[in-house]
Amino acid sequence: MNDLTAAPMRALACLHAAVTAPRERDERGDVPGWVMITVMTAALVAIIWGVAEDQLVSLLESALQSVGVKG
């Protein structure tokens, strides 16, 4: 192989090694992501509960009555 083709091949090999090499994992991003998911889930539950409270309560009471739990 001459130098004109060997250099790009070496560059590709180095790039491949850099991309596939194991890296240290940065854990700092995980906590805020989970916090955001938890807050968003709580907000969705609060919004749904605010909009459909009467229907949800009646649905729960009906389900409990159908299995024999008296409330």
C-alpha atoms as a PDB file:
ATOM      1  CA  MET A   1       0.000   0.000   0.000  1.00  0.00           C
ATOM      2  CA  ASN A   2       1.360   3.433  -0.789  1.00  0.00           C
ATOM      3  CA  ASP A   3       1.279   6.434   1.562  1.00  0.00           C
ATOM      4  CA  LEU A   4      -1.778   7.961  -0.135  1.00  0.00           C
ATOM      5  CA  THR A   5      -3.959   4.988   0.751  1.00  0.00           C
ATOM      6  CA  ALA A   6      -2.265   4.017   4.022  1.00  0.00           C
ATOM      7  CA  ALA A   7      -2.896   7.376   5.727  1.00  0.00           C
ATOM      8  CA  PRO A   8      -6.683   7.325   5.275  1.00  0.00           C
ATOM      9  CA  MET A   9      -6.771   3.697   6.372  1.00  0.00           C
ATOM     10  CA  ARG A  10      -4.841   4.561   9.557  1.00  0.00           C
ATOM     11  CA  ALA A  11      -7.181   7.516  10.151  1.00  0.00           C
ATOM     12  CA  LEU A  12     -10.226   5.267   9.786  1.00  0.00           C
ATOM     13  CA  ALA A  13      -8.703   2.701  12.134  1.00  0.00           C
ATOM     14  CA  CYS A  14      -8.028   5.411  14.756  1.00  0.00           C
ATOM     15  CA  LEU A  15     -11.550   6.809  14.366  1.00  0.00           C
ATOM     16  CA  HIS A  16     -13.061   3.336  14.710  1.00  0.00           C
ATOM     17  CA  ALA A  17     -10.992   2.669  17.838  1.00  0.00           C
ATOM     18  CA  ALA A  18     -12.033   5.999  19.357  1.00  0.00           C
ATOM     19  CA  VAL A  19     -15.726   5.432  18.663  1.00  0.00           C
ATOM     20  CA  THR A  20     -15.861   1.833  19.875  1.00  0.00           C
ATOM     21  CA  ALA A  21     -13.566   2.210  22.892  1.00  0.00           C
ATOM     22  CA  PRO A  22     -15.281   1.887  26.268  1.00  0.00           C
ATOM     23  CA  ARG A  23     -15.693   5.252  27.931  1.00  0.00           C
ATOM     24  CA  GLU A  24     -16.294   6.258  31.500  1.00  0.00           C
ATOM     25  CA  ARG A  25     -19.945   6.839  32.091  1.00  0.00           C
ATOM     26  CA  ASP A  26     -20.960  10.239  33.350  1.00  0.00           C
ATOM     27  CA  GLU A  27     -23.644   9.610  35.959  1.00  0.00           C
ATOM     28  CA  ARG A  28     -24.450  13.270  36.552  1.00  0.00           C
ATOM     29  CA  GLY A  29     -27.032  13.379  33.764  1.00  0.00           C
ATOM     30  CA  ASP A  30     -29.060  10.435  35.063  1.00  0.00           C
ATOM     31  CA  VAL A  31     -30.506  11.997  38.200  1.00  0.00           C
ATOM     32  CA  PRO A  32     -31.952  15.126  36.553  1.00  0.00           C
ATOM     33  CA  GLY A  33     -33.452  12.987  33.803  1.00  0.00           C
ATOM     34  CA  TRP A  34     -35.239  10.739  36.272  1.00  0.00           C
ATOM     35  CA  VAL A  35     -36.353  13.731  38.299  1.00  0.00           C
ATOM     36  CA  MET A  36     -37.823  15.309  35.170  1.00  0.00           C
ATOM     37  CA  ILE A  37     -39.645  12.079  34.245  1.00  0.00           C
ATOM     38  CA  THR A  38     -41.054  11.784  37.762  1.00  0.00           C
ATOM     39  CA  VAL A  39     -42.230  15.402  37.851  1.00  0.00           C
ATOM     40  CA  MET A  40     -43.780  15.128  34.397  1.00  0.00           C
ATOM     41  CA  THR A  41     -45.595  11.919  35.386  1.00  0.00           C
ATOM     42  CA  ALA A  42     -46.919  13.539  38.553  1.00  0.00           C
ATOM     43  CA  ALA A  43     -48.075  16.551  36.523  1.00  0.00           C
ATOM     44  CA  LEU A  44     -49.889  14.313  34.020  1.00  0.00           C
ATOM     45  CA  VAL A  45     -51.615  12.439  36.848  1.00  0.00           C
ATOM     46  CA  ALA A  46     -52.671  15.729  38.462  1.00  0.00           C
ATOM     47  CA  ILE A  47     -54.026  17.081  35.162  1.00  0.00           C
ATOM     48  CA  ILE A  48     -55.912  13.884  34.353  1.00  0.00           C
ATOM     49  CA  TRP A  49     -57.282  13.676  37.903  1.00  0.00           C
ATOM     50  CA  GLY A  50     -58.399  17.328  37.768  1.00  0.00           C
ATOM     51  CA  VAL A  51     -60.222  16.836  34.478  1.00  0.00           C
ATOM     52  CA  ALA A  52     -61.819  13.437  35.137  1.00  0.00           C
ATOM     53  CA  GLU A  53     -62.091  13.178  38.936  1.00  0.00           C
ATOM     54  CA  ASP A  54     -65.787  12.290  39.023  1.00  0.00           C
ATOM     55  CA  GLN A  55     -65.442   9.627  36.328  1.00  0.00           C
ATOM     56  CA  LEU A  56     -62.348   8.124  37.971  1.00  0.00           C
ATOM     57  CA  VAL A  57     -64.022   7.970  41.403  1.00  0.00           C
ATOM     58  CA  SER A  58     -67.116   6.315  39.956  1.00  0.00           C
ATOM     59  CA  LEU A  59     -64.949   3.881  37.977  1.00  0.00           C
ATOM     60  CA  LEU A  60     -63.017   2.930  41.127  1.00  0.00           C
ATOM     61  CA  GLU A  61     -66.196   2.541  43.200  1.00  0.00           C
ATOM     62  CA  SER A  62     -67.761   0.381  40.498  1.00  0.00           C
ATOM     63  CA  ALA A  63     -64.665  -1.808  40.281  1.00  0.00           C
ATOM     64  CA  LEU A  64     -64.528  -2.235  44.048  1.00  0.00           C
ATOM     65  CA  GLN A  65     -68.237  -3.079  44.226  1.00  0.00           C
ATOM     66  CA  SER A  66     -67.852  -5.678  41.484  1.00  0.00           C
ATOM     67  CA  VAL A  67     -65.264  -7.576  43.551  1.00  0.00           C
ATOM     68  CA  GLY A  68     -67.305  -7.284  46.743  1.00  0.00           C
ATOM     69  CA  VAL A  69     -65.449  -4.546  48.621  1.00  0.00           C
ATOM     70  CA  LYS A  70     -67.853  -2.163  50.323  1.00  0.00           C
ATOM     71  CA  GLY A  71     -66.812   1.451  50.652  1.00  0.00           C
END
